[in-house]
Amino acid sequence: MRELGALGADDFRRTLPRFEAENFRRNLALVARLQEVATAKGCTPTQLALAWLLARDPHVVPIPGTKRRPYLEENVRAADLHLTPDDLRAIEDAVPPTEVAGARYAAAAMATVNR
């Protein structure tokens, strides 16, 4: 999704600070950088992100929201990706946490996280 207008009026993402107009624009630039890394690795950005999570720690279990079977099958293939230390560095260089624009959730919702 590259346009905020593509979100339905009741889409949860409309409540997230990272999807506010300026934050969304800035975050799309990060998505483009991640796409470059994924293309070089021969996978989708989603697969790359899931493989990165799996490589972080054996106790990390990503639970992607998946509405359709083809997306589920795509997500499962992430477990077959082998990420080298150079791959991990490229991912982290492409999307440094300090460059992600906007809070994860609105302030009220953030207050309930990790309580």
PDB file of N, CA and C in Angstrom:
ATOM      1  N   MET A   1       0.841  -1.166   0.000  1.00  0.00           N
ATOM      2  CA  MET A   1       0.000   0.000   0.000  1.00  0.00           C
ATOM      3  C   MET A   1       0.892   1.237   0.000  1.00  0.00           C
ATOM      4  N   ARG A   2       0.667   2.085  -0.957  1.00  0.00           N
ATOM      5  CA  ARG A   2       1.486   3.287  -1.102  1.00  0.00           C
ATOM      6  C   ARG A   2       0.699   4.582  -0.919  1.00  0.00           C
ATOM      7  N   GLU A   3      -0.617   4.454  -0.736  1.00  0.00           N
ATOM      8  CA  GLU A   3      -1.479   5.633  -0.612  1.00  0.00           C
ATOM      9  C   GLU A   3      -2.371   5.504   0.620  1.00  0.00           C
ATOM     10  N   LEU A   4      -2.417   6.533   1.421  1.00  0.00           N
ATOM     11  CA  LEU A   4      -3.301   6.516   2.588  1.00  0.00           C
ATOM     12  C   LEU A   4      -4.757   6.379   2.186  1.00  0.00           C
ATOM     13  N   GLY A   5      -5.105   6.906   1.022  1.00  0.00           N
ATOM     14  CA  GLY A   5      -6.474   6.816   0.547  1.00  0.00           C
ATOM     15  C   GLY A   5      -6.926   5.389   0.292  1.00  0.00           C
ATOM     16  N   ALA A   6      -5.979   4.453   0.183  1.00  0.00           N
ATOM     17  CA  ALA A   6      -6.326   3.051  -0.044  1.00  0.00           C
ATOM     18  C   ALA A   6      -6.880   2.391   1.218  1.00  0.00           C
ATOM     19  N   LEU A   7      -6.682   3.035   2.361  1.00  0.00           N
ATOM     20  CA  LEU A   7      -7.195   2.477   3.616  1.00  0.00           C
ATOM     21  C   LEU A   7      -8.685   2.763   3.744  1.00  0.00           C
ATOM     22  N   GLY A   8      -9.428   1.769   4.170  1.00  0.00           N
ATOM     23  CA  GLY A   8     -10.851   1.963   4.429  1.00  0.00           C
ATOM     24  C   GLY A   8     -11.052   2.934   5.583  1.00  0.00           C
ATOM     25  N   ALA A   9     -12.204   3.539   5.643  1.00  0.00           N
ATOM     26  CA  ALA A   9     -12.506   4.514   6.692  1.00  0.00           C
ATOM     27  C   ALA A   9     -12.382   3.912   8.087  1.00  0.00           C
ATOM     28  N   ASP A  10     -12.645   2.611   8.222  1.00  0.00           N
ATOM     29  CA  ASP A  10     -12.589   1.965   9.532  1.00  0.00           C
ATOM     30  C   ASP A  10     -11.306   1.156   9.738  1.00  0.00           C
ATOM     31  N   ASP A  11     -10.313   1.330   8.856  1.00  0.00           N
ATOM     32  CA  ASP A  11      -9.050   0.596   8.963  1.00  0.00           C
ATOM     33  C   ASP A  11      -8.301   1.039  10.219  1.00  0.00           C
ATOM     34  N   PHE A  12      -7.894   0.092  11.039  1.00  0.00           N
ATOM     35  CA  PHE A  12      -7.193   0.361  12.299  1.00  0.00           C
ATOM     36  C   PHE A  12      -5.956   1.227  12.085  1.00  0.00           C
ATOM     37  N   ARG A  13      -5.281   1.046  10.955  1.00  0.00           N
ATOM     38  CA  ARG A  13      -4.046   1.797  10.716  1.00  0.00           C
ATOM     39  C   ARG A  13      -4.278   3.307  10.697  1.00  0.00           C
ATOM     40  N   ARG A  14      -5.502   3.724  10.426  1.00  0.00           N
ATOM     41  CA  ARG A  14      -5.797   5.166  10.437  1.00  0.00           C
ATOM     42  C   ARG A  14      -5.628   5.765  11.834  1.00  0.00           C
ATOM     43  N   THR A  15      -5.599   4.931  12.875  1.00  0.00           N
ATOM     44  CA  THR A  15      -5.422   5.418  14.247  1.00  0.00           C
ATOM     45  C   THR A  15      -3.954   5.445  14.669  1.00  0.00           C
ATOM     46  N   LEU A  16      -3.078   4.924  13.845  1.00  0.00           N
ATOM     47  CA  LEU A  16      -1.675   4.797  14.208  1.00  0.00           C
ATOM     48  C   LEU A  16      -0.864   6.017  13.774  1.00  0.00           C
ATOM     49  N   PRO A  17      -0.051   6.567  14.667  1.00  0.00           N
ATOM     50  CA  PRO A  17       0.761   7.736  14.321  1.00  0.00           C
ATOM     51  C   PRO A  17       1.682   7.502  13.111  1.00  0.00           C
ATOM     52  N   ARG A  18       2.142   6.294  12.917  1.00  0.00           N
ATOM     53  CA  ARG A  18       3.036   6.022  11.783  1.00  0.00           C
ATOM     54  C   ARG A  18       2.330   6.141  10.436  1.00  0.00           C
ATOM     55  N   PHE A  19       1.000   6.196  10.461  1.00  0.00           N
ATOM     56  CA  PHE A  19       0.226   6.330   9.231  1.00  0.00           C
ATOM     57  C   PHE A  19      -0.327   7.748   9.049  1.00  0.00           C
ATOM     58  N   GLU A  20       0.070   8.676   9.903  1.00  0.00           N
ATOM     59  CA  GLU A  20      -0.303  10.076   9.685  1.00  0.00           C
ATOM     60  C   GLU A  20       0.473  10.576   8.468  1.00  0.00           C
ATOM     61  N   ALA A  21      -0.083  11.520   7.750  1.00  0.00           N
ATOM     62  CA  ALA A  21       0.406  11.920   6.420  1.00  0.00           C
ATOM     63  C   ALA A  21       1.923  12.068   6.326  1.00  0.00           C
ATOM     64  N   GLU A  22       2.524  12.938   7.110  1.00  0.00           N
ATOM     65  CA  GLU A  22       3.973  13.166   6.996  1.00  0.00           C
ATOM     66  C   GLU A  22       4.765  11.951   7.448  1.00  0.00           C
ATOM     67  N   ASN A  23       4.341  11.314   8.533  1.00  0.00           N
ATOM     68  CA  ASN A  23       5.033  10.104   8.992  1.00  0.00           C
ATOM     69  C   ASN A  23       4.956   9.014   7.941  1.00  0.00           C
ATOM     70  N   PHE A  24       3.797   8.857   7.347  1.00  0.00           N
ATOM     71  CA  PHE A  24       3.603   7.837   6.316  1.00  0.00           C
ATOM     72  C   PHE A  24       4.554   8.078   5.148  1.00  0.00           C
ATOM     73  N   ARG A  25       4.657   9.321   4.707  1.00  0.00           N
ATOM     74  CA  ARG A  25       5.553   9.660   3.596  1.00  0.00           C
ATOM     75  C   ARG A  25       6.998   9.310   3.946  1.00  0.00           C
ATOM     76  N   ARG A  26       7.426   9.677   5.130  1.00  0.00           N
ATOM     77  CA  ARG A  26       8.804   9.388   5.551  1.00  0.00           C
ATOM     78  C   ARG A  26       9.042   7.881   5.688  1.00  0.00           C
ATOM     79  N   ASN A  27       8.057   7.165   6.210  1.00  0.00           N
ATOM     80  CA  ASN A  27       8.213   5.721   6.389  1.00  0.00           C
ATOM     81  C   ASN A  27       8.216   4.973   5.061  1.00  0.00           C
ATOM     82  N   LEU A  28       7.527   5.513   4.059  1.00  0.00           N
ATOM     83  CA  LEU A  28       7.562   4.882   2.741  1.00  0.00           C
ATOM     84  C   LEU A  28       8.975   4.878   2.162  1.00  0.00           C
ATOM     85  N   ALA A  29       9.764   5.896   2.483  1.00  0.00           N
ATOM     86  CA  ALA A  29      11.158   5.919   2.032  1.00  0.00           C
ATOM     87  C   ALA A  29      11.936   4.758   2.648  1.00  0.00           C
ATOM     88  N   LEU A  30      11.636   4.430   3.897  1.00  0.00           N
ATOM     89  CA  LEU A  30      12.281   3.281   4.547  1.00  0.00           C
ATOM     90  C   LEU A  30      11.832   1.975   3.898  1.00  0.00           C
ATOM     91  N   VAL A  31      10.557   1.907   3.560  1.00  0.00           N
ATOM     92  CA  VAL A  31      10.023   0.716   2.885  1.00  0.00           C
ATOM     93  C   VAL A  31      10.741   0.517   1.559  1.00  0.00           C
ATOM     94  N   ALA A  32      10.992   1.600   0.838  1.00  0.00           N
ATOM     95  CA  ALA A  32      11.690   1.498  -0.449  1.00  0.00           C
ATOM     96  C   ALA A  32      13.102   0.950  -0.250  1.00  0.00           C
ATOM     97  N   ARG A  33      13.772   1.377   0.809  1.00  0.00           N
ATOM     98  CA  ARG A  33      15.126   0.867   1.083  1.00  0.00           C
ATOM     99  C   ARG A  33      15.075  -0.616   1.452  1.00  0.00           C
ATOM    100  N   LEU A  34      14.059  -1.009   2.212  1.00  0.00           N
ATOM    101  CA  LEU A  34      13.907  -2.414   2.562  1.00  0.00           C
ATOM    102  C   LEU A  34      13.600  -3.246   1.314  1.00  0.00           C
ATOM    103  N   GLN A  35      12.820  -2.691   0.407  1.00  0.00           N
ATOM    104  CA  GLN A  35      12.504  -3.373  -0.855  1.00  0.00           C
ATOM    105  C   GLN A  35      13.785  -3.676  -1.635  1.00  0.00           C
ATOM    106  N   GLU A  36      14.726  -2.742  -1.642  1.00  0.00           N
ATOM    107  CA  GLU A  36      15.999  -2.958  -2.335  1.00  0.00           C
ATOM    108  C   GLU A  36      16.756  -4.139  -1.737  1.00  0.00           C
ATOM    109  N   VAL A  37      16.783  -4.224  -0.422  1.00  0.00           N
ATOM    110  CA  VAL A  37      17.470  -5.340   0.249  1.00  0.00           C
ATOM    111  C   VAL A  37      16.753  -6.654  -0.079  1.00  0.00           C
ATOM    112  N   ALA A  38      15.431  -6.640  -0.047  1.00  0.00           N
ATOM    113  CA  ALA A  38      14.649  -7.845  -0.348  1.00  0.00           C
ATOM    114  C   ALA A  38      14.881  -8.294  -1.787  1.00  0.00           C
ATOM    115  N   THR A  39      14.888  -7.367  -2.713  1.00  0.00           N
ATOM    116  CA  THR A  39      15.115  -7.709  -4.116  1.00  0.00           C
ATOM    117  C   THR A  39      16.487  -8.352  -4.284  1.00  0.00           C
ATOM    118  N   ALA A  40      17.496  -7.788  -3.636  1.00  0.00           N
ATOM    119  CA  ALA A  40      18.843  -8.358  -3.712  1.00  0.00           C
ATOM    120  C   ALA A  40      18.891  -9.765  -3.118  1.00  0.00           C
ATOM    121  N   LYS A  41      18.060 -10.020  -2.141  1.00  0.00           N
ATOM    122  CA  LYS A  41      18.014 -11.329  -1.468  1.00  0.00           C
ATOM    123  C   LYS A  41      17.079 -12.306  -2.197  1.00  0.00           C
ATOM    124  N   GLY A  42      16.292 -11.802  -3.162  1.00  0.00           N
ATOM    125  CA  GLY A  42      15.389 -12.669  -3.914  1.00  0.00           C
ATOM    126  C   GLY A  42      14.126 -13.051  -3.163  1.00  0.00           C
ATOM    127  N   CYS A  43      13.624 -12.117  -2.349  1.00  0.00           N
ATOM    128  CA  CYS A  43      12.413 -12.389  -1.570  1.00  0.00           C
ATOM    129  C   CYS A  43      11.569 -11.130  -1.513  1.00  0.00           C
ATOM    130  N   THR A  44      10.422 -11.235  -0.873  1.00  0.00           N
ATOM    131  CA  THR A  44       9.562 -10.064  -0.691  1.00  0.00           C
ATOM    132  C   THR A  44       9.995  -9.320   0.573  1.00  0.00           C
ATOM    133  N   PRO A  45       9.634  -8.045   0.688  1.00  0.00           N
ATOM    134  CA  PRO A  45       9.933  -7.329   1.936  1.00  0.00           C
ATOM    135  C   PRO A  45       9.296  -7.988   3.157  1.00  0.00           C
ATOM    136  N   THR A  46       8.108  -8.540   2.981  1.00  0.00           N
ATOM    137  CA  THR A  46       7.447  -9.229   4.094  1.00  0.00           C
ATOM    138  C   THR A  46       8.263 -10.439   4.534  1.00  0.00           C
ATOM    139  N   GLN A  47       8.702 -11.232   3.572  1.00  0.00           N
ATOM    140  CA  GLN A  47       9.524 -12.392   3.920  1.00  0.00           C
ATOM    141  C   GLN A  47      10.815 -11.961   4.599  1.00  0.00           C
ATOM    142  N   LEU A  48      11.416 -10.896   4.099  1.00  0.00           N
ATOM    143  CA  LEU A  48      12.657 -10.405   4.692  1.00  0.00           C
ATOM    144  C   LEU A  48      12.433  -9.961   6.134  1.00  0.00           C
ATOM    145  N   ALA A  49      11.358  -9.227   6.374  1.00  0.00           N
ATOM    146  CA  ALA A  49      11.059  -8.758   7.729  1.00  0.00           C
ATOM    147  C   ALA A  49      10.813  -9.933   8.676  1.00  0.00           C
ATOM    148  N   LEU A  50      10.059 -10.925   8.210  1.00  0.00           N
ATOM    149  CA  LEU A  50       9.797 -12.098   9.059  1.00  0.00           C
ATOM    150  C   LEU A  50      11.081 -12.883   9.321  1.00  0.00           C
ATOM    151  N   ALA A  51      11.915 -13.054   8.290  1.00  0.00           N
ATOM    152  CA  ALA A  51      13.180 -13.772   8.471  1.00  0.00           C
ATOM    153  C   ALA A  51      14.090 -13.016   9.443  1.00  0.00           C
ATOM    154  N   TRP A  52      14.056 -11.689   9.364  1.00  0.00           N
ATOM    155  CA  TRP A  52      14.854 -10.869  10.288  1.00  0.00           C
ATOM    156  C   TRP A  52      14.389 -11.100  11.724  1.00  0.00           C
ATOM    157  N   LEU A  53      13.085 -11.124  11.941  1.00  0.00           N
ATOM    158  CA  LEU A  53      12.567 -11.393  13.278  1.00  0.00           C
ATOM    159  C   LEU A  53      12.989 -12.775  13.766  1.00  0.00           C
ATOM    160  N   LEU A  54      12.871 -13.773  12.890  1.00  0.00           N
ATOM    161  CA  LEU A  54      13.250 -15.140  13.265  1.00  0.00           C
ATOM    162  C   LEU A  54      14.738 -15.244  13.595  1.00  0.00           C
ATOM    163  N   ALA A  55      15.560 -14.446  12.928  1.00  0.00           N
ATOM    164  CA  ALA A  55      17.013 -14.494  13.144  1.00  0.00           C
ATOM    165  C   ALA A  55      17.439 -13.759  14.408  1.00  0.00           C
ATOM    166  N   ARG A  56      16.572 -12.915  14.941  1.00  0.00           N
ATOM    167  CA  ARG A  56      16.944 -12.089  16.091  1.00  0.00           C
ATOM    168  C   ARG A  56      17.158 -12.901  17.362  1.00  0.00           C
ATOM    169  N   ASP A  57      16.294 -13.882  17.581  1.00  0.00           N
ATOM    170  CA  ASP A  57      16.345 -14.632  18.830  1.00  0.00           C
ATOM    171  C   ASP A  57      15.442 -15.849  18.673  1.00  0.00           C
ATOM    172  N   PRO A  58      15.868 -17.016  19.159  1.00  0.00           N
ATOM    173  CA  PRO A  58      15.019 -18.201  19.004  1.00  0.00           C
ATOM    174  C   PRO A  58      13.705 -18.107  19.778  1.00  0.00           C
ATOM    175  N   HIS A  59      13.611 -17.149  20.702  1.00  0.00           N
ATOM    176  CA  HIS A  59      12.383 -16.991  21.475  1.00  0.00           C
ATOM    177  C   HIS A  59      11.413 -15.995  20.851  1.00  0.00           C
ATOM    178  N   VAL A  60      11.803 -15.391  19.738  1.00  0.00           N
ATOM    179  CA  VAL A  60      10.930 -14.457  19.031  1.00  0.00           C
ATOM    180  C   VAL A  60      10.080 -15.257  18.052  1.00  0.00           C
ATOM    181  N   VAL A  61       8.774 -15.100  18.163  1.00  0.00           N
ATOM    182  CA  VAL A  61       7.851 -15.801  17.273  1.00  0.00           C
ATOM    183  C   VAL A  61       6.938 -14.756  16.621  1.00  0.00           C
ATOM    184  N   PRO A  62       7.228 -14.400  15.363  1.00  0.00           N
ATOM    185  CA  PRO A  62       6.366 -13.425  14.700  1.00  0.00           C
ATOM    186  C   PRO A  62       4.991 -14.021  14.404  1.00  0.00           C
ATOM    187  N   ILE A  63       3.980 -13.204  14.548  1.00  0.00           N
ATOM    188  CA  ILE A  63       2.614 -13.634  14.257  1.00  0.00           C
ATOM    189  C   ILE A  63       2.029 -12.618  13.270  1.00  0.00           C
ATOM    190  N   PRO A  64       2.284 -12.831  11.979  1.00  0.00           N
ATOM    191  CA  PRO A  64       1.775 -11.865  10.999  1.00  0.00           C
ATOM    192  C   PRO A  64       0.277 -12.025  10.788  1.00  0.00           C
ATOM    193  N   GLY A  65      -0.394 -10.908  10.638  1.00  0.00           N
ATOM    194  CA  GLY A  65      -1.812 -10.951  10.285  1.00  0.00           C
ATOM    195  C   GLY A  65      -1.932 -11.333   8.819  1.00  0.00           C
ATOM    196  N   THR A  66      -2.657 -12.375   8.523  1.00  0.00           N
ATOM    197  CA  THR A  66      -2.750 -12.878   7.154  1.00  0.00           C
ATOM    198  C   THR A  66      -4.206 -13.163   6.836  1.00  0.00           C
ATOM    199  N   LYS A  67      -4.706 -12.498   5.798  1.00  0.00           N
ATOM    200  CA  LYS A  67      -6.111 -12.652   5.435  1.00  0.00           C
ATOM    201  C   LYS A  67      -6.349 -13.673   4.329  1.00  0.00           C
ATOM    202  N   ARG A  68      -5.338 -13.929   3.525  1.00  0.00           N
ATOM    203  CA  ARG A  68      -5.541 -14.798   2.371  1.00  0.00           C
ATOM    204  C   ARG A  68      -4.460 -15.870   2.301  1.00  0.00           C
ATOM    205  N   ARG A  69      -4.840 -17.011   1.791  1.00  0.00           N
ATOM    206  CA  ARG A  69      -3.930 -18.158   1.725  1.00  0.00           C
ATOM    207  C   ARG A  69      -2.610 -17.851   0.999  1.00  0.00           C
ATOM    208  N   PRO A  70      -2.631 -17.152  -0.149  1.00  0.00           N
ATOM    209  CA  PRO A  70      -1.348 -16.866  -0.804  1.00  0.00           C
ATOM    210  C   PRO A  70      -0.386 -16.080   0.092  1.00  0.00           C
ATOM    211  N   TYR A  71      -0.924 -15.180   0.919  1.00  0.00           N
ATOM    212  CA  TYR A  71      -0.057 -14.439   1.837  1.00  0.00           C
ATOM    213  C   TYR A  71       0.483 -15.352   2.929  1.00  0.00           C
ATOM    214  N   LEU A  72      -0.320 -16.268   3.394  1.00  0.00           N
ATOM    215  CA  LEU A  72       0.140 -17.243   4.384  1.00  0.00           C
ATOM    216  C   LEU A  72       1.294 -18.065   3.810  1.00  0.00           C
ATOM    217  N   GLU A  73       1.119 -18.534   2.584  1.00  0.00           N
ATOM    218  CA  GLU A  73       2.168 -19.333   1.944  1.00  0.00           C
ATOM    219  C   GLU A  73       3.443 -18.506   1.751  1.00  0.00           C
ATOM    220  N   GLU A  74       3.280 -17.252   1.374  1.00  0.00           N
ATOM    221  CA  GLU A  74       4.440 -16.355   1.234  1.00  0.00           C
ATOM    222  C   GLU A  74       5.144 -16.188   2.575  1.00  0.00           C
ATOM    223  N   ASN A  75       4.360 -15.966   3.632  1.00  0.00           N
ATOM    224  CA  ASN A  75       4.936 -15.772   4.954  1.00  0.00           C
ATOM    225  C   ASN A  75       5.698 -17.006   5.429  1.00  0.00           C
ATOM    226  N   VAL A  76       5.152 -18.173   5.190  1.00  0.00           N
ATOM    227  CA  VAL A  76       5.801 -19.414   5.632  1.00  0.00           C
ATOM    228  C   VAL A  76       7.167 -19.583   4.972  1.00  0.00           C
ATOM    229  N   ARG A  77       7.292 -19.146   3.733  1.00  0.00           N
ATOM    230  CA  ARG A  77       8.579 -19.273   3.023  1.00  0.00           C
ATOM    231  C   ARG A  77       9.680 -18.430   3.669  1.00  0.00           C
ATOM    232  N   ALA A  78       9.314 -17.487   4.506  1.00  0.00           N
ATOM    233  CA  ALA A  78      10.318 -16.689   5.217  1.00  0.00           C
ATOM    234  C   ALA A  78      11.176 -17.566   6.121  1.00  0.00           C
ATOM    235  N   ALA A  79      10.615 -18.644   6.624  1.00  0.00           N
ATOM    236  CA  ALA A  79      11.371 -19.540   7.504  1.00  0.00           C
ATOM    237  C   ALA A  79      12.508 -20.244   6.762  1.00  0.00           C
ATOM    238  N   ASP A  80      12.432 -20.280   5.430  1.00  0.00           N
ATOM    239  CA  ASP A  80      13.480 -20.917   4.635  1.00  0.00           C
ATOM    240  C   ASP A  80      14.618 -19.958   4.274  1.00  0.00           C
ATOM    241  N   LEU A  81      14.437 -18.687   4.536  1.00  0.00           N
ATOM    242  CA  LEU A  81      15.479 -17.710   4.211  1.00  0.00           C
ATOM    243  C   LEU A  81      16.617 -17.804   5.216  1.00  0.00           C
ATOM    244  N   HIS A  82      17.820 -17.828   4.708  1.00  0.00           N
ATOM    245  CA  HIS A  82      18.997 -17.770   5.581  1.00  0.00           C
ATOM    246  C   HIS A  82      19.576 -16.375   5.469  1.00  0.00           C
ATOM    247  N   LEU A  83      19.643 -15.689   6.590  1.00  0.00           N
ATOM    248  CA  LEU A  83      20.206 -14.343   6.605  1.00  0.00           C
ATOM    249  C   LEU A  83      21.599 -14.382   7.210  1.00  0.00           C
ATOM    250  N   THR A  84      22.557 -13.890   6.452  1.00  0.00           N
ATOM    251  CA  THR A  84      23.937 -13.807   6.918  1.00  0.00           C
ATOM    252  C   THR A  84      24.091 -12.581   7.808  1.00  0.00           C
ATOM    253  N   PRO A  85      25.194 -12.491   8.517  1.00  0.00           N
ATOM    254  CA  PRO A  85      25.439 -11.254   9.278  1.00  0.00           C
ATOM    255  C   PRO A  85      25.420 -10.006   8.383  1.00  0.00           C
ATOM    256  N   ASP A  86      25.911 -10.132   7.148  1.00  0.00           N
ATOM    257  CA  ASP A  86      25.856  -8.995   6.218  1.00  0.00           C
ATOM    258  C   ASP A  86      24.417  -8.647   5.856  1.00  0.00           C
ATOM    259  N   ASP A  87      23.567  -9.667   5.674  1.00  0.00           N
ATOM    260  CA  ASP A  87      22.151  -9.422   5.385  1.00  0.00           C
ATOM    261  C   ASP A  87      21.496  -8.676   6.548  1.00  0.00           C
ATOM    262  N   LEU A  88      21.753  -9.143   7.761  1.00  0.00           N
ATOM    263  CA  LEU A  88      21.160  -8.511   8.942  1.00  0.00           C
ATOM    264  C   LEU A  88      21.597  -7.056   9.052  1.00  0.00           C
ATOM    265  N   ARG A  89      22.866  -6.814   8.776  1.00  0.00           N
ATOM    266  CA  ARG A  89      23.386  -5.450   8.826  1.00  0.00           C
ATOM    267  C   ARG A  89      22.721  -4.582   7.749  1.00  0.00           C
ATOM    268  N   ALA A  90      22.544  -5.132   6.548  1.00  0.00           N
ATOM    269  CA  ALA A  90      21.900  -4.385   5.463  1.00  0.00           C
ATOM    270  C   ALA A  90      20.461  -4.016   5.822  1.00  0.00           C
ATOM    271  N   ILE A  91      19.749  -4.941   6.452  1.00  0.00           N
ATOM    272  CA  ILE A  91      18.369  -4.672   6.877  1.00  0.00           C
ATOM    273  C   ILE A  91      18.358  -3.563   7.927  1.00  0.00           C
ATOM    274  N   GLU A  92      19.215  -3.691   8.916  1.00  0.00           N
ATOM    275  CA  GLU A  92      19.248  -2.713   9.996  1.00  0.00           C
ATOM    276  C   GLU A  92      19.733  -1.351   9.516  1.00  0.00           C
ATOM    277  N   ASP A  93      20.621  -1.331   8.518  1.00  0.00           N
ATOM    278  CA  ASP A  93      21.054  -0.061   7.936  1.00  0.00           C
ATOM    279  C   ASP A  93      19.939   0.572   7.103  1.00  0.00           C
ATOM    280  N   ALA A  94      19.128  -0.254   6.460  1.00  0.00           N
ATOM    281  CA  ALA A  94      18.039   0.250   5.620  1.00  0.00           C
ATOM    282  C   ALA A  94      16.933   0.879   6.450  1.00  0.00           C
ATOM    283  N   VAL A  95      16.701   0.325   7.634  1.00  0.00           N
ATOM    284  CA  VAL A  95      15.594   0.804   8.478  1.00  0.00           C
ATOM    285  C   VAL A  95      16.083   0.997   9.919  1.00  0.00           C
ATOM    286  N   PRO A  96      16.887   2.042  10.140  1.00  0.00           N
ATOM    287  CA  PRO A  96      17.321   2.290  11.518  1.00  0.00           C
ATOM    288  C   PRO A  96      16.125   2.730  12.370  1.00  0.00           C
ATOM    289  N   PRO A  97      16.001   2.196  13.567  1.00  0.00           N
ATOM    290  CA  PRO A  97      14.854   2.546  14.422  1.00  0.00           C
ATOM    291  C   PRO A  97      14.710   4.050  14.635  1.00  0.00           C
ATOM    292  N   THR A  98      15.809   4.769  14.638  1.00  0.00           N
ATOM    293  CA  THR A  98      15.749   6.214  14.872  1.00  0.00           C
ATOM    294  C   THR A  98      15.137   6.970  13.694  1.00  0.00           C
ATOM    295  N   GLU A  99      15.007   6.330  12.532  1.00  0.00           N
ATOM    296  CA  GLU A  99      14.439   6.992  11.366  1.00  0.00           C
ATOM    297  C   GLU A  99      12.957   6.678  11.146  1.00  0.00           C
ATOM    298  N   VAL A 100      12.414   5.746  11.915  1.00  0.00           N
ATOM    299  CA  VAL A 100      10.987   5.425  11.782  1.00  0.00           C
ATOM    300  C   VAL A 100      10.203   6.605  12.339  1.00  0.00           C
ATOM    301  N   ALA A 101       9.303   7.141  11.527  1.00  0.00           N
ATOM    302  CA  ALA A 101       8.548   8.343  11.903  1.00  0.00           C
ATOM    303  C   ALA A 101       7.230   7.979  12.576  1.00  0.00           C
ATOM    304  N   GLY A 102       6.988   8.561  13.731  1.00  0.00           N
ATOM    305  CA  GLY A 102       5.733   8.350  14.444  1.00  0.00           C
ATOM    306  C   GLY A 102       5.835   7.251  15.479  1.00  0.00           C
ATOM    307  N   ALA A 103       5.069   7.405  16.520  1.00  0.00           N
ATOM    308  CA  ALA A 103       5.015   6.393  17.571  1.00  0.00           C
ATOM    309  C   ALA A 103       4.307   5.141  17.050  1.00  0.00           C
ATOM    310  N   ARG A 104       4.561   4.027  17.713  1.00  0.00           N
ATOM    311  CA  ARG A 104       3.938   2.763  17.304  1.00  0.00           C
ATOM    312  C   ARG A 104       2.422   2.834  17.420  1.00  0.00           C
ATOM    313  N   TYR A 105       1.938   3.353  18.543  1.00  0.00           N
ATOM    314  CA  TYR A 105       0.508   3.508  18.799  1.00  0.00           C
ATOM    315  C   TYR A 105       0.251   4.916  19.314  1.00  0.00           C
ATOM    316  N   ALA A 106      -1.002   5.319  19.337  1.00  0.00           N
ATOM    317  CA  ALA A 106      -1.377   6.581  19.964  1.00  0.00           C
ATOM    318  C   ALA A 106      -1.057   6.489  21.460  1.00  0.00           C
ATOM    319  N   ALA A 107      -0.909   7.639  22.112  1.00  0.00           N
ATOM    320  CA  ALA A 107      -0.470   7.684  23.510  1.00  0.00           C
ATOM    321  C   ALA A 107      -1.321   6.810  24.435  1.00  0.00           C
ATOM    322  N   ALA A 108      -2.626   6.835  24.285  1.00  0.00           N
ATOM    323  CA  ALA A 108      -3.497   6.032  25.161  1.00  0.00           C
ATOM    324  C   ALA A 108      -3.224   4.537  25.011  1.00  0.00           C
ATOM    325  N   ALA A 109      -3.011   4.106  23.800  1.00  0.00           N
ATOM    326  CA  ALA A 109      -2.741   2.691  23.551  1.00  0.00           C
ATOM    327  C   ALA A 109      -1.334   2.329  24.040  1.00  0.00           C
ATOM    328  N   MET A 110      -0.371   3.217  23.856  1.00  0.00           N
ATOM    329  CA  MET A 110       0.997   2.936  24.306  1.00  0.00           C
ATOM    330  C   MET A 110       1.040   2.763  25.823  1.00  0.00           C
ATOM    331  N   ALA A 111       0.179   3.445  26.513  1.00  0.00           N
ATOM    332  CA  ALA A 111       0.146   3.345  27.976  1.00  0.00           C
ATOM    333  C   ALA A 111      -0.230   1.945  28.440  1.00  0.00           C
ATOM    334  N   THR A 112      -0.840   1.149  27.577  1.00  0.00           N
ATOM    335  CA  THR A 112      -1.248  -0.209  27.951  1.00  0.00           C
ATOM    336  C   THR A 112      -0.243  -1.274  27.539  1.00  0.00           C
ATOM    337  N   VAL A 113       0.797  -0.888  26.801  1.00  0.00           N
ATOM    338  CA  VAL A 113       1.793  -1.840  26.316  1.00  0.00           C
ATOM    339  C   VAL A 113       2.796  -2.157  27.435  1.00  0.00           C
ATOM    340  N   ASN A 114       3.136  -3.439  27.564  1.00  0.00           N
ATOM    341  CA  ASN A 114       4.132  -3.912  28.532  1.00  0.00           C
ATOM    342  C   ASN A 114       3.800  -3.491  29.966  1.00  0.00           C
ATOM    343  N   ARG A 115       2.551  -3.636  30.337  1.00  0.00           N
ATOM    344  CA  ARG A 115       2.148  -3.282  31.695  1.00  0.00           C
ATOM    345  C   ARG A 115       2.394  -4.398  32.636  1.00  0.00           C
TER     346      ARG A 115
END
